[in-house]
Amino acid sequence: MKILVTGAAGFIGFHLIDRLLADGHEVVGLDCINDYYDVRLKYARLHEAGIPDAEIVGGRMVRSAKQPAYRFVRQALEEREALQRLFAEEHFTAVVNLAAQAGVRYSLENPYAYIDSNVVGFVNLLECCRHYPVEHLVYASSSSVYGGNTKVPFSEEDRVDRPVSLYAATKKANELMAHVYAELYGVPSTGLRFFTVYGPWGRPDMAPMLFTKAILAGEPIKVFNNGDLSRDFTYIDDIIEGTVRVLARAPQGEVPADLFNIGCGHPVQLMDFIRTLEDALGCRAVMRMLPMQAGDVHTTYADTTKLRQAVGYCPATSLKEGIGRFAGWYRSWMPCAER
């Protein structure tokens, strides 16, 4: 298949493209490389995939020096005409949309970035999939759509009409828009509600990277809600395996749209996560206890029964194993990148 992966310089996009190429697919990666977090990490991911920094210019297609079946273009989903030209020229078999303005807390500071990328950009993508038909559109939703739900584990059948952040609201909007395009125009789409993803090359604005950097530097880590939080931490390899399986299974029926939780299904107390990270690093954390943050939720917990029944999804990486791999990568890569 020829597959468009948006958010190609991001954490999940980087790993997904590597897997798709290994499976023999042709891939076009797209990313605007915004500065929400340090762009050095985004360029480093692209460099690792064989895309030279010097050749990354807006709108120019660059072929990987390592992977002949991989090309990359720096472009935003909001660039409607450029996106339409890309679809007209490439004739994609499938699309995986991982491009989005990420982060719950940042949505309180910069709401327009979320509307531009997550809403306007997504409808541009849907229009392209409508006019230049693809066999399957897989897109990233988020566990944040469950808002402050207290019923656990979170099921795809639960109510998701009470988000507690603008980020969550835009992700729910994506699900609604995708359903409309499936019903009106037959665009086959599957939304994946990602739960907390971690691993090598992860995002520096998330707890694993933030905590590791601070612990190794002897600086305090911020522990919100005084540590009384739990997250369904899911290792990147398990996320990629589930995504690849879903991509190969386009929804059928009168309205070809589907939604799945994709997580570990075993939430971890934040304090247990910190202790596991300390053990992997061989260092103890200095903790600064803080109250709950606006827009945050107490617990995330995925019921993955539906995904398991549909594609045989079964996450296999324990927290200890996953954190060990992450810590090993961090020690070998991050100090060099930050010099």
Foldseek 3Di string as FASTA:
>chain_A
DEEEEEPCLADLNLVLVVVCVVVPYQYEYEYQQDPPDPSLLSVVSVVVQQFDPVPADALDWTARPVRNSYIYHNDALLPLVSVLVVLVPPLGQEYEYEDADDDFVCCVVDVVRRCSRLPNSLVSVLVSCLVSPHLEYEYEAALQLCAADPDPDDDPPDDRPDGQGSSSVSSVVSQVVLQVCLQPRVRFYEYEHEWAEDFASHDCVDDLNQQVVQQVVVHADEQEQQQQAKTQYAYSVLVSVLVVLVRVPTADDNRNYYYFYRTQQDIDRRVVLQVLLCVLQVTHHHYDYYYHDRSDYRYHGGDGVVSCVPRVRHGDADSNRRSNRRNVNCVVPVVVSVD
